[in-house]
Amino acid sequence: METRKVLSSLCYFSIFFAGFIFPLIVYIATGDEVTKRHAKKSLISHLIPLIPTPLIVFAIYNDFANLPDRVPAFTIISMVVLMIIWIVVVIWNIIKGVKVLVAE
């Protein structure tokens, strides 16, 4: 198996063990354009779940500071959205990692 295939697929699979650090290191260190492209795509996909983080922080602050005696609906909705985003990102990374490994 080619090194670039393994390295490219590890960039996608690193969502399980190294987060965005492994694709970032591969992107900086590699000279191969194909591997660099896969590292960039996986890095972006690893960072997507960080986008709703300010929304969740705001939701927690808003629900618990302003409505202490009610159900924190905004927080619950934000958490559900974040879980859905995480599930989609993990599945997408698994699919892309496998596709890179089996591509000819």
C-alpha atoms as a PDB file:
ATOM      1  CA  MET A   1       0.000   0.000   0.000  1.00  0.00           C
ATOM      2  CA  GLU A   2       1.237   3.439  -0.873  1.00  0.00           C
ATOM      3  CA  THR A   3       2.422   5.739   1.872  1.00  0.00           C
ATOM      4  CA  ARG A   4       0.386   8.666   0.580  1.00  0.00           C
ATOM      5  CA  LYS A   5      -2.837   6.620   0.707  1.00  0.00           C
ATOM      6  CA  VAL A   6      -2.164   5.581   4.282  1.00  0.00           C
ATOM      7  CA  LEU A   7      -1.202   9.093   5.308  1.00  0.00           C
ATOM      8  CA  SER A   8      -4.238  10.600   3.573  1.00  0.00           C
ATOM      9  CA  SER A   9      -6.638   8.139   5.178  1.00  0.00           C
ATOM     10  CA  LEU A  10      -5.010   8.632   8.586  1.00  0.00           C
ATOM     11  CA  CYS A  11      -5.787  12.334   8.254  1.00  0.00           C
ATOM     12  CA  TYR A  12      -9.484  11.450   8.086  1.00  0.00           C
ATOM     13  CA  PHE A  13      -9.283   8.754  10.773  1.00  0.00           C
ATOM     14  CA  SER A  14      -7.423  11.085  13.115  1.00  0.00           C
ATOM     15  CA  ILE A  15     -10.786  12.394  14.273  1.00  0.00           C
ATOM     16  CA  PHE A  16     -10.643   9.437  16.668  1.00  0.00           C
ATOM     17  CA  PHE A  17      -7.138   9.906  18.036  1.00  0.00           C
ATOM     18  CA  ALA A  18      -5.505  13.263  17.239  1.00  0.00           C
ATOM     19  CA  GLY A  19      -8.210  15.729  16.304  1.00  0.00           C
ATOM     20  CA  PHE A  20      -7.108  18.504  14.013  1.00  0.00           C
ATOM     21  CA  ILE A  21      -3.422  18.317  14.985  1.00  0.00           C
ATOM     22  CA  PHE A  22      -2.508  15.337  12.789  1.00  0.00           C
ATOM     23  CA  PRO A  23      -3.980  16.748   9.537  1.00  0.00           C
ATOM     24  CA  LEU A  24      -2.361  20.089  10.298  1.00  0.00           C
ATOM     25  CA  ILE A  25       1.067  18.479  10.733  1.00  0.00           C
ATOM     26  CA  VAL A  26       0.605  16.410   7.566  1.00  0.00           C
ATOM     27  CA  TYR A  27      -0.505  19.491   5.638  1.00  0.00           C
ATOM     28  CA  ILE A  28       2.573  21.423   6.736  1.00  0.00           C
ATOM     29  CA  ALA A  29       5.098  18.575   6.430  1.00  0.00           C
ATOM     30  CA  THR A  30       4.122  16.831   3.210  1.00  0.00           C
ATOM     31  CA  GLY A  31       5.195  17.788  -0.274  1.00  0.00           C
ATOM     32  CA  ASP A  32       2.724  15.554  -2.107  1.00  0.00           C
ATOM     33  CA  GLU A  33      -0.208  17.564  -3.479  1.00  0.00           C
ATOM     34  CA  VAL A  34      -2.736  14.712  -3.186  1.00  0.00           C
ATOM     35  CA  THR A  35      -1.901  14.104   0.456  1.00  0.00           C
ATOM     36  CA  LYS A  36      -1.910  17.841   1.107  1.00  0.00           C
ATOM     37  CA  ARG A  37      -5.395  18.122  -0.437  1.00  0.00           C
ATOM     38  CA  HIS A  38      -6.747  15.299   1.743  1.00  0.00           C
ATOM     39  CA  ALA A  39      -5.097  16.794   4.825  1.00  0.00           C
ATOM     40  CA  LYS A  40      -6.749  20.146   4.098  1.00  0.00           C
ATOM     41  CA  LYS A  41     -10.184  18.572   3.616  1.00  0.00           C
ATOM     42  CA  SER A  42      -9.899  16.543   6.800  1.00  0.00           C
ATOM     43  CA  LEU A  43      -8.635  19.547   8.758  1.00  0.00           C
ATOM     44  CA  ILE A  44     -11.647  21.579   7.672  1.00  0.00           C
ATOM     45  CA  SER A  45     -14.007  18.733   8.549  1.00  0.00           C
ATOM     46  CA  HIS A  46     -12.385  18.396  11.987  1.00  0.00           C
ATOM     47  CA  LEU A  47     -12.903  22.112  12.647  1.00  0.00           C
ATOM     48  CA  ILE A  48     -16.577  22.222  11.574  1.00  0.00           C
ATOM     49  CA  PRO A  49     -17.929  21.109  14.994  1.00  0.00           C
ATOM     50  CA  LEU A  50     -16.114  24.043  16.610  1.00  0.00           C
ATOM     51  CA  ILE A  51     -18.326  26.533  14.749  1.00  0.00           C
ATOM     52  CA  PRO A  52     -21.428  26.126  16.984  1.00  0.00           C
ATOM     53  CA  THR A  53     -19.394  26.331  20.197  1.00  0.00           C
ATOM     54  CA  PRO A  54     -20.077  30.061  20.765  1.00  0.00           C
ATOM     55  CA  LEU A  55     -23.776  29.355  20.243  1.00  0.00           C
ATOM     56  CA  ILE A  56     -23.734  26.716  22.957  1.00  0.00           C
ATOM     57  CA  VAL A  57     -21.847  28.952  25.378  1.00  0.00           C
ATOM     58  CA  PHE A  58     -24.367  31.716  24.742  1.00  0.00           C
ATOM     59  CA  ALA A  59     -27.257  29.250  25.149  1.00  0.00           C
ATOM     60  CA  ILE A  60     -25.991  28.000  28.494  1.00  0.00           C
ATOM     61  CA  TYR A  61     -25.411  31.516  29.766  1.00  0.00           C
ATOM     62  CA  ASN A  62     -28.782  32.736  28.509  1.00  0.00           C
ATOM     63  CA  ASP A  63     -30.810  29.808  29.823  1.00  0.00           C
ATOM     64  CA  PHE A  64     -29.270  29.584  33.261  1.00  0.00           C
ATOM     65  CA  ALA A  65     -28.771  33.288  33.925  1.00  0.00           C
ATOM     66  CA  ASN A  66     -32.101  34.577  32.669  1.00  0.00           C
ATOM     67  CA  LEU A  67     -34.420  31.608  33.160  1.00  0.00           C
ATOM     68  CA  PRO A  68     -33.258  29.717  36.264  1.00  0.00           C
ATOM     69  CA  ASP A  69     -36.656  28.146  37.005  1.00  0.00           C
ATOM     70  CA  ARG A  70     -37.513  26.923  33.492  1.00  0.00           C
ATOM     71  CA  VAL A  71     -36.356  24.119  31.228  1.00  0.00           C
ATOM     72  CA  PRO A  72     -33.173  25.198  29.386  1.00  0.00           C
ATOM     73  CA  ALA A  73     -34.667  24.713  25.902  1.00  0.00           C
ATOM     74  CA  PHE A  74     -32.081  26.761  24.014  1.00  0.00           C
ATOM     75  CA  THR A  75     -29.273  24.768  25.615  1.00  0.00           C
ATOM     76  CA  ILE A  76     -30.926  21.431  24.852  1.00  0.00           C
ATOM     77  CA  ILE A  77     -31.551  22.382  21.222  1.00  0.00           C
ATOM     78  CA  SER A  78     -27.965  23.592  20.841  1.00  0.00           C
ATOM     79  CA  MET A  79     -26.595  20.347  22.285  1.00  0.00           C
ATOM     80  CA  VAL A  80     -28.759  18.242  19.961  1.00  0.00           C
ATOM     81  CA  VAL A  81     -27.586  20.249  16.942  1.00  0.00           C
ATOM     82  CA  LEU A  82     -23.972  19.831  18.010  1.00  0.00           C
ATOM     83  CA  MET A  83     -24.411  16.065  18.450  1.00  0.00           C
ATOM     84  CA  ILE A  84     -25.932  15.781  14.976  1.00  0.00           C
ATOM     85  CA  ILE A  85     -23.044  17.779  13.507  1.00  0.00           C
ATOM     86  CA  TRP A  86     -20.510  15.536  15.281  1.00  0.00           C
ATOM     87  CA  ILE A  87     -22.221  12.356  14.051  1.00  0.00           C
ATOM     88  CA  VAL A  88     -22.291  13.613  10.467  1.00  0.00           C
ATOM     89  CA  VAL A  89     -18.637  14.699  10.597  1.00  0.00           C
ATOM     90  CA  VAL A  90     -17.467  11.374  12.067  1.00  0.00           C
ATOM     91  CA  ILE A  91     -19.403   9.352   9.477  1.00  0.00           C
ATOM     92  CA  TRP A  92     -18.121  11.576   6.662  1.00  0.00           C
ATOM     93  CA  ASN A  93     -14.521  11.139   7.836  1.00  0.00           C
ATOM     94  CA  ILE A  94     -14.890   7.363   8.050  1.00  0.00           C
ATOM     95  CA  ILE A  95     -16.332   7.200   4.539  1.00  0.00           C
ATOM     96  CA  LYS A  96     -13.632   9.451   3.088  1.00  0.00           C
ATOM     97  CA  GLY A  97     -10.844   7.545   4.881  1.00  0.00           C
ATOM     98  CA  VAL A  98     -12.076   4.212   3.550  1.00  0.00           C
ATOM     99  CA  LYS A  99     -12.504   5.641   0.029  1.00  0.00           C
ATOM    100  CA  VAL A 100      -8.924   6.875   0.046  1.00  0.00           C
ATOM    101  CA  LEU A 101      -7.650   3.464   1.131  1.00  0.00           C
ATOM    102  CA  VAL A 102      -9.555   1.470  -1.488  1.00  0.00           C
ATOM    103  CA  ALA A 103      -9.068   3.933  -4.381  1.00  0.00           C
ATOM    104  CA  GLU A 104      -6.870   2.658  -7.153  1.00  0.00           C
END
